[in-house]
PDB file of N, CA and C in Angstrom:
ATOM      1  N   MET A   1     100.464 -21.896  48.055  1.00  0.00           N
ATOM      2  CA  MET A   1      99.834 -21.949  49.361  1.00  0.00           C
ATOM      3  C   MET A   1      98.318 -21.877  49.186  1.00  0.00           C
ATOM      4  N   ASN A   2      97.619 -22.794  49.799  1.00  0.00           N
ATOM      5  CA  ASN A   2      96.157 -22.791  49.769  1.00  0.00           C
ATOM      6  C   ASN A   2      95.615 -21.781  50.758  1.00  0.00           C
ATOM      7  N   ALA A   3      94.469 -21.210  50.409  1.00  0.00           N
ATOM      8  CA  ALA A   3      93.783 -20.298  51.324  1.00  0.00           C
ATOM      9  C   ALA A   3      92.423 -20.877  51.660  1.00  0.00           C
ATOM     10  N   ILE A   4      92.082 -20.856  52.913  1.00  0.00           N
ATOM     11  CA  ILE A   4      90.786 -21.308  53.385  1.00  0.00           C
ATOM     12  C   ILE A   4      90.055 -20.084  53.907  1.00  0.00           C
ATOM     13  N   LYS A   5      88.845 -19.868  53.377  1.00  0.00           N
ATOM     14  CA  LYS A   5      88.060 -18.714  53.799  1.00  0.00           C
ATOM     15  C   LYS A   5      87.076 -19.154  54.878  1.00  0.00           C
ATOM     16  N   VAL A   6      87.077 -18.435  55.976  1.00  0.00           N
ATOM     17  CA  VAL A   6      86.189 -18.716  57.101  1.00  0.00           C
ATOM     18  C   VAL A   6      85.281 -17.501  57.273  1.00  0.00           C
ATOM     19  N   ILE A   7      83.979 -17.721  57.079  1.00  0.00           N
ATOM     20  CA  ILE A   7      83.010 -16.647  57.203  1.00  0.00           C
ATOM     21  C   ILE A   7      82.155 -16.940  58.430  1.00  0.00           C
ATOM     22  N   SER A   8      82.032 -15.965  59.298  1.00  0.00           N
ATOM     23  CA  SER A   8      81.254 -16.142  60.520  1.00  0.00           C
ATOM     24  C   SER A   8      80.237 -15.015  60.650  1.00  0.00           C
ATOM     25  N   SER A   9      79.250 -15.241  61.496  1.00  0.00           N
ATOM     26  CA  SER A   9      78.218 -14.229  61.686  1.00  0.00           C
ATOM     27  C   SER A   9      78.709 -13.058  62.527  1.00  0.00           C
ATOM     28  N   ASP A  10      79.794 -13.283  63.269  1.00  0.00           N
ATOM     29  CA  ASP A  10      80.394 -12.262  64.121  1.00  0.00           C
ATOM     30  C   ASP A  10      81.904 -12.529  64.146  1.00  0.00           C
ATOM     31  N   VAL A  11      82.670 -11.594  64.622  1.00  0.00           N
ATOM     32  CA  VAL A  11      84.120 -11.758  64.697  1.00  0.00           C
ATOM     33  C   VAL A  11      84.452 -12.933  65.619  1.00  0.00           C
ATOM     34  N   LEU A  12      85.315 -13.838  65.150  1.00  0.00           N
ATOM     35  CA  LEU A  12      85.709 -14.991  65.956  1.00  0.00           C
ATOM     36  C   LEU A  12      86.819 -14.606  66.924  1.00  0.00           C
ATOM     37  N   ASP A  13      86.746 -15.138  68.139  1.00  0.00           N
ATOM     38  CA  ASP A  13      87.821 -14.881  69.095  1.00  0.00           C
ATOM     39  C   ASP A  13      89.002 -15.808  68.782  1.00  0.00           C
ATOM     40  N   ALA A  14      90.128 -15.556  69.421  1.00  0.00           N
ATOM     41  CA  ALA A  14      91.365 -16.297  69.141  1.00  0.00           C
ATOM     42  C   ALA A  14      91.209 -17.794  69.391  1.00  0.00           C
ATOM     43  N   ASP A  15      90.464 -18.173  70.429  1.00  0.00           N
ATOM     44  CA  ASP A  15      90.279 -19.586  70.745  1.00  0.00           C
ATOM     45  C   ASP A  15      89.509 -20.305  69.640  1.00  0.00           C
ATOM     46  N   MET A  16      88.451 -19.683  69.135  1.00  0.00           N
ATOM     47  CA  MET A  16      87.666 -20.296  68.064  1.00  0.00           C
ATOM     48  C   MET A  16      88.487 -20.386  66.781  1.00  0.00           C
ATOM     49  N   LYS A  17      89.281 -19.357  66.485  1.00  0.00           N
ATOM     50  CA  LYS A  17      90.143 -19.410  65.301  1.00  0.00           C
ATOM     51  C   LYS A  17      91.133 -20.569  65.408  1.00  0.00           C
ATOM     52  N   ARG A  18      91.707 -20.774  66.586  1.00  0.00           N
ATOM     53  CA  ARG A  18      92.636 -21.895  66.790  1.00  0.00           C
ATOM     54  C   ARG A  18      91.956 -23.228  66.525  1.00  0.00           C
ATOM     55  N   LYS A  19      90.731 -23.384  67.007  1.00  0.00           N
ATOM     56  CA  LYS A  19      89.991 -24.630  66.806  1.00  0.00           C
ATOM     57  C   LYS A  19      89.706 -24.884  65.333  1.00  0.00           C
ATOM     58  N   VAL A  20      89.262 -23.855  64.626  1.00  0.00           N
ATOM     59  CA  VAL A  20      88.976 -23.988  63.192  1.00  0.00           C
ATOM     60  C   VAL A  20      90.257 -24.328  62.442  1.00  0.00           C
ATOM     61  N   GLU A  21      91.328 -23.596  62.723  1.00  0.00           N
ATOM     62  CA  GLU A  21      92.588 -23.812  62.025  1.00  0.00           C
ATOM     63  C   GLU A  21      93.143 -25.198  62.305  1.00  0.00           C
ATOM     64  N   LYS A  22      93.071 -25.666  63.528  1.00  0.00           N
ATOM     65  CA  LYS A  22      93.562 -27.000  63.859  1.00  0.00           C
ATOM     66  C   LYS A  22      92.798 -28.052  63.069  1.00  0.00           C
ATOM     67  N   SER A  23      91.503 -27.908  63.009  1.00  0.00           N
ATOM     68  CA  SER A  23      90.661 -28.868  62.305  1.00  0.00           C
ATOM     69  C   SER A  23      91.007 -28.941  60.818  1.00  0.00           C
ATOM     70  N   PHE A  24      91.214 -27.809  60.184  1.00  0.00           N
ATOM     71  CA  PHE A  24      91.450 -27.803  58.740  1.00  0.00           C
ATOM     72  C   PHE A  24      92.915 -28.007  58.371  1.00  0.00           C
ATOM     73  N   ARG A  25      93.833 -27.681  59.245  1.00  0.00           N
ATOM     74  CA  ARG A  25      95.246 -27.951  58.948  1.00  0.00           C
ATOM     75  C   ARG A  25      95.496 -29.452  58.852  1.00  0.00           C
ATOM     76  N   ASN A  26      94.747 -30.234  59.622  1.00  0.00           N
ATOM     77  CA  ASN A  26      94.895 -31.688  59.588  1.00  0.00           C
ATOM     78  C   ASN A  26      94.512 -32.277  58.229  1.00  0.00           C
ATOM     79  N   LYS A  27      93.736 -31.554  57.433  1.00  0.00           N
ATOM     80  CA  LYS A  27      93.294 -32.034  56.133  1.00  0.00           C
ATOM     81  C   LYS A  27      94.282 -31.688  55.021  1.00  0.00           C
ATOM     82  N   HIS A  28      95.303 -30.893  55.329  1.00  0.00           N
ATOM     83  CA  HIS A  28      96.245 -30.423  54.315  1.00  0.00           C
ATOM     84  C   HIS A  28      97.676 -30.764  54.710  1.00  0.00           C
ATOM     85  N   GLU A  29      98.430 -31.194  53.722  1.00  0.00           N
ATOM     86  CA  GLU A  29      99.847 -31.468  53.974  1.00  0.00           C
ATOM     87  C   GLU A  29     100.686 -30.201  53.853  1.00  0.00           C
ATOM     88  N   GLU A  30     100.261 -29.295  52.980  1.00  0.00           N
ATOM     89  CA  GLU A  30     101.016 -28.071  52.755  1.00  0.00           C
ATOM     90  C   GLU A  30     100.542 -26.962  53.696  1.00  0.00           C
ATOM     91  N   THR A  31     101.257 -25.877  53.681  1.00  0.00           N
ATOM     92  CA  THR A  31     100.905 -24.722  54.498  1.00  0.00           C
ATOM     93  C   THR A  31      99.592 -24.125  54.004  1.00  0.00           C
ATOM     94  N   VAL A  32      98.755 -23.755  54.929  1.00  0.00           N
ATOM     95  CA  VAL A  32      97.443 -23.205  54.607  1.00  0.00           C
ATOM     96  C   VAL A  32      97.316 -21.834  55.247  1.00  0.00           C
ATOM     97  N   GLN A  33      96.767 -20.895  54.485  1.00  0.00           N
ATOM     98  CA  GLN A  33      96.505 -19.559  55.003  1.00  0.00           C
ATOM     99  C   GLN A  33      94.999 -19.448  55.259  1.00  0.00           C
ATOM    100  N   PHE A  34      94.630 -18.839  56.362  1.00  0.00           N
ATOM    101  CA  PHE A  34      93.219 -18.654  56.697  1.00  0.00           C
ATOM    102  C   PHE A  34      92.842 -17.196  56.518  1.00  0.00           C
ATOM    103  N   VAL A  35      91.727 -16.975  55.830  1.00  0.00           N
ATOM    104  CA  VAL A  35      91.201 -15.639  55.597  1.00  0.00           C
ATOM    105  C   VAL A  35      89.845 -15.571  56.293  1.00  0.00           C
ATOM    106  N   TYR A  36      89.672 -14.595  57.166  1.00  0.00           N
ATOM    107  CA  TYR A  36      88.447 -14.472  57.954  1.00  0.00           C
ATOM    108  C   TYR A  36      87.603 -13.310  57.457  1.00  0.00           C
ATOM    109  N   ASP A  37      86.286 -13.533  57.437  1.00  0.00           N
ATOM    110  CA  ASP A  37      85.344 -12.500  57.021  1.00  0.00           C
ATOM    111  C   ASP A  37      84.090 -12.627  57.892  1.00  0.00           C
ATOM    112  N   VAL A  38      83.320 -11.563  57.974  1.00  0.00           N
ATOM    113  CA  VAL A  38      82.092 -11.553  58.767  1.00  0.00           C
ATOM    114  C   VAL A  38      80.909 -11.297  57.843  1.00  0.00           C
ATOM    115  N   ASP A  39      79.851 -12.113  58.017  1.00  0.00           N
ATOM    116  CA  ASP A  39      78.608 -11.943  57.266  1.00  0.00           C
ATOM    117  C   ASP A  39      77.446 -12.158  58.237  1.00  0.00           C
ATOM    118  N   PRO A  40      76.859 -11.067  58.753  1.00  0.00           N
ATOM    119  CA  PRO A  40      75.776 -11.192  59.732  1.00  0.00           C
ATOM    120  C   PRO A  40      74.568 -11.972  59.209  1.00  0.00           C
ATOM    121  N   SER A  41      74.415 -12.089  57.888  1.00  0.00           N
ATOM    122  CA  SER A  41      73.259 -12.810  57.348  1.00  0.00           C
ATOM    123  C   SER A  41      73.329 -14.310  57.633  1.00  0.00           C
ATOM    124  N   LEU A  42      74.473 -14.801  58.110  1.00  0.00           N
ATOM    125  CA  LEU A  42      74.572 -16.213  58.500  1.00  0.00           C
ATOM    126  C   LEU A  42      73.758 -16.491  59.760  1.00  0.00           C
ATOM    127  N   ILE A  43      73.400 -15.460  60.486  1.00  0.00           N
ATOM    128  CA  ILE A  43      72.624 -15.481  61.729  1.00  0.00           C
ATOM    129  C   ILE A  43      73.469 -16.013  62.894  1.00  0.00           C
ATOM    130  N   GLY A  44      74.168 -17.093  62.709  1.00  0.00           N
ATOM    131  CA  GLY A  44      75.034 -17.698  63.721  1.00  0.00           C
ATOM    132  C   GLY A  44      75.878 -18.767  63.046  1.00  0.00           C
ATOM    133  N   GLY A  45      76.928 -19.207  63.704  1.00  0.00           N
ATOM    134  CA  GLY A  45      77.775 -20.263  63.163  1.00  0.00           C
ATOM    135  C   GLY A  45      78.783 -19.769  62.147  1.00  0.00           C
ATOM    136  N   ILE A  46      79.343 -20.733  61.374  1.00  0.00           N
ATOM    137  CA  ILE A  46      80.367 -20.387  60.390  1.00  0.00           C
ATOM    138  C   ILE A  46      80.155 -21.144  59.082  1.00  0.00           C
ATOM    139  N   LEU A  47      80.755 -20.595  58.031  1.00  0.00           N
ATOM    140  CA  LEU A  47      80.814 -21.217  56.718  1.00  0.00           C
ATOM    141  C   LEU A  47      82.292 -21.244  56.351  1.00  0.00           C
ATOM    142  N   VAL A  48      82.805 -22.419  55.967  1.00  0.00           N
ATOM    143  CA  VAL A  48      84.207 -22.552  55.612  1.00  0.00           C
ATOM    144  C   VAL A  48      84.287 -22.962  54.149  1.00  0.00           C
ATOM    145  N   ILE A  49      85.092 -22.232  53.377  1.00  0.00           N
ATOM    146  CA  ILE A  49      85.293 -22.542  51.967  1.00  0.00           C
ATOM    147  C   ILE A  49      86.738 -22.975  51.805  1.00  0.00           C
ATOM    148  N   ASP A  50      86.917 -24.243  51.459  1.00  0.00           N
ATOM    149  CA  ASP A  50      88.236 -24.864  51.313  1.00  0.00           C
ATOM    150  C   ASP A  50      88.336 -25.363  49.877  1.00  0.00           C
ATOM    151  N   GLY A  51      88.875 -24.498  49.013  1.00  0.00           N
ATOM    152  CA  GLY A  51      88.933 -24.853  47.591  1.00  0.00           C
ATOM    153  C   GLY A  51      87.532 -24.929  47.023  1.00  0.00           C
ATOM    154  N   ASP A  52      87.150 -26.100  46.528  1.00  0.00           N
ATOM    155  CA  ASP A  52      85.809 -26.265  45.971  1.00  0.00           C
ATOM    156  C   ASP A  52      84.853 -26.937  46.953  1.00  0.00           C
ATOM    157  N   LYS A  53      85.247 -27.049  48.212  1.00  0.00           N
ATOM    158  CA  LYS A  53      84.408 -27.663  49.242  1.00  0.00           C
ATOM    159  C   LYS A  53      83.849 -26.589  50.172  1.00  0.00           C
ATOM    160  N   TYR A  54      82.570 -26.747  50.495  1.00  0.00           N
ATOM    161  CA  TYR A  54      81.891 -25.830  51.405  1.00  0.00           C
ATOM    162  C   TYR A  54      81.470 -26.608  52.651  1.00  0.00           C
ATOM    163  N   TYR A  55      81.793 -26.086  53.804  1.00  0.00           N
ATOM    164  CA  TYR A  55      81.377 -26.666  55.081  1.00  0.00           C
ATOM    165  C   TYR A  55      80.483 -25.631  55.747  1.00  0.00           C
ATOM    166  N   ASP A  56      79.194 -25.888  55.716  1.00  0.00           N
ATOM    167  CA  ASP A  56      78.231 -24.909  56.194  1.00  0.00           C
ATOM    168  C   ASP A  56      77.706 -25.321  57.560  1.00  0.00           C
ATOM    169  N   ALA A  57      78.161 -24.634  58.589  1.00  0.00           N
ATOM    170  CA  ALA A  57      77.693 -24.854  59.954  1.00  0.00           C
ATOM    171  C   ALA A  57      77.013 -23.585  60.456  1.00  0.00           C
ATOM    172  N   SER A  58      76.311 -22.923  59.534  1.00  0.00           N
ATOM    173  CA  SER A  58      75.641 -21.672  59.889  1.00  0.00           C
ATOM    174  C   SER A  58      74.166 -21.927  60.175  1.00  0.00           C
ATOM    175  N   VAL A  59      73.563 -21.022  60.907  1.00  0.00           N
ATOM    176  CA  VAL A  59      72.132 -21.110  61.173  1.00  0.00           C
ATOM    177  C   VAL A  59      71.366 -20.930  59.866  1.00  0.00           C
ATOM    178  N   ARG A  60      71.815 -20.012  59.029  1.00  0.00           N
ATOM    179  CA  ARG A  60      71.158 -19.797  57.731  1.00  0.00           C
ATOM    180  C   ARG A  60      71.153 -21.078  56.912  1.00  0.00           C
ATOM    181  N   GLY A  61      72.273 -21.801  56.915  1.00  0.00           N
ATOM    182  CA  GLY A  61      72.364 -23.067  56.183  1.00  0.00           C
ATOM    183  C   GLY A  61      71.441 -24.132  56.754  1.00  0.00           C
ATOM    184  N   GLN A  62      71.367 -24.202  58.068  1.00  0.00           N
ATOM    185  CA  GLN A  62      70.487 -25.181  58.711  1.00  0.00           C
ATOM    186  C   GLN A  62      69.018 -24.870  58.424  1.00  0.00           C
ATOM    187  N   LEU A  63      68.666 -23.584  58.425  1.00  0.00           N
ATOM    188  CA  LEU A  63      67.292 -23.195  58.103  1.00  0.00           C
ATOM    189  C   LEU A  63      66.947 -23.547  56.653  1.00  0.00           C
ATOM    190  N   ALA A  64      67.904 -23.400  55.755  1.00  0.00           N
ATOM    191  CA  ALA A  64      67.684 -23.751  54.349  1.00  0.00           C
ATOM    192  C   ALA A  64      67.427 -25.251  54.198  1.00  0.00           C
ATOM    193  N   VAL A  65      68.148 -26.069  54.955  1.00  0.00           N
ATOM    194  CA  VAL A  65      67.936 -27.519  54.918  1.00  0.00           C
ATOM    195  C   VAL A  65      66.535 -27.862  55.428  1.00  0.00           C
ATOM    196  N   ILE A  66      66.132 -27.240  56.513  1.00  0.00           N
ATOM    197  CA  ILE A  66      64.799 -27.489  57.065  1.00  0.00           C
ATOM    198  C   ILE A  66      63.741 -27.089  56.050  1.00  0.00           C
ATOM    199  N   LYS A  67      63.914 -25.950  55.406  1.00  0.00           N
ATOM    200  CA  LYS A  67      62.958 -25.471  54.412  1.00  0.00           C
ATOM    201  C   LYS A  67      62.833 -26.455  53.255  1.00  0.00           C
ATOM    202  N   ARG A  68      63.985 -26.970  52.758  1.00  0.00           N
ATOM    203  CA  ARG A  68      63.967 -27.957  51.679  1.00  0.00           C
ATOM    204  C   ARG A  68      63.243 -29.234  52.101  1.00  0.00           C
ATOM    205  N   ASN A  69      63.468 -29.665  53.326  1.00  0.00           N
ATOM    206  CA  ASN A  69      62.856 -30.907  53.815  1.00  0.00           C
ATOM    207  C   ASN A  69      61.351 -30.774  54.027  1.00  0.00           C
ATOM    208  N   LEU A  70      60.885 -29.566  54.261  1.00  0.00           N
ATOM    209  CA  LEU A  70      59.455 -29.355  54.473  1.00  0.00           C
ATOM    210  C   LEU A  70      58.663 -29.297  53.169  1.00  0.00           C
ATOM    211  N   LYS A  71      59.329 -29.142  52.057  1.00  0.00           N
ATOM    212  CA  LYS A  71      58.647 -29.056  50.764  1.00  0.00           C
ATOM    213  C   LYS A  71      58.212 -30.403  50.281  1.00  0.00           C
TER     214      LYS A  71
END
């Protein structure tokens, strides 16, 4: 069974968890387990780790992209 780690800046409500799970279950044929964690340093948004793939929709990640582009 694959595990997908979902890290958010705050605890996700049930509706948001359903949306995340629906989105990522469509990418897998087998059963997937979701593990949730909170990291306030993300500032906002979520980071999803699916095996060796990272989906960064966090404010911290967006700020890092802006910083790189300004250099």
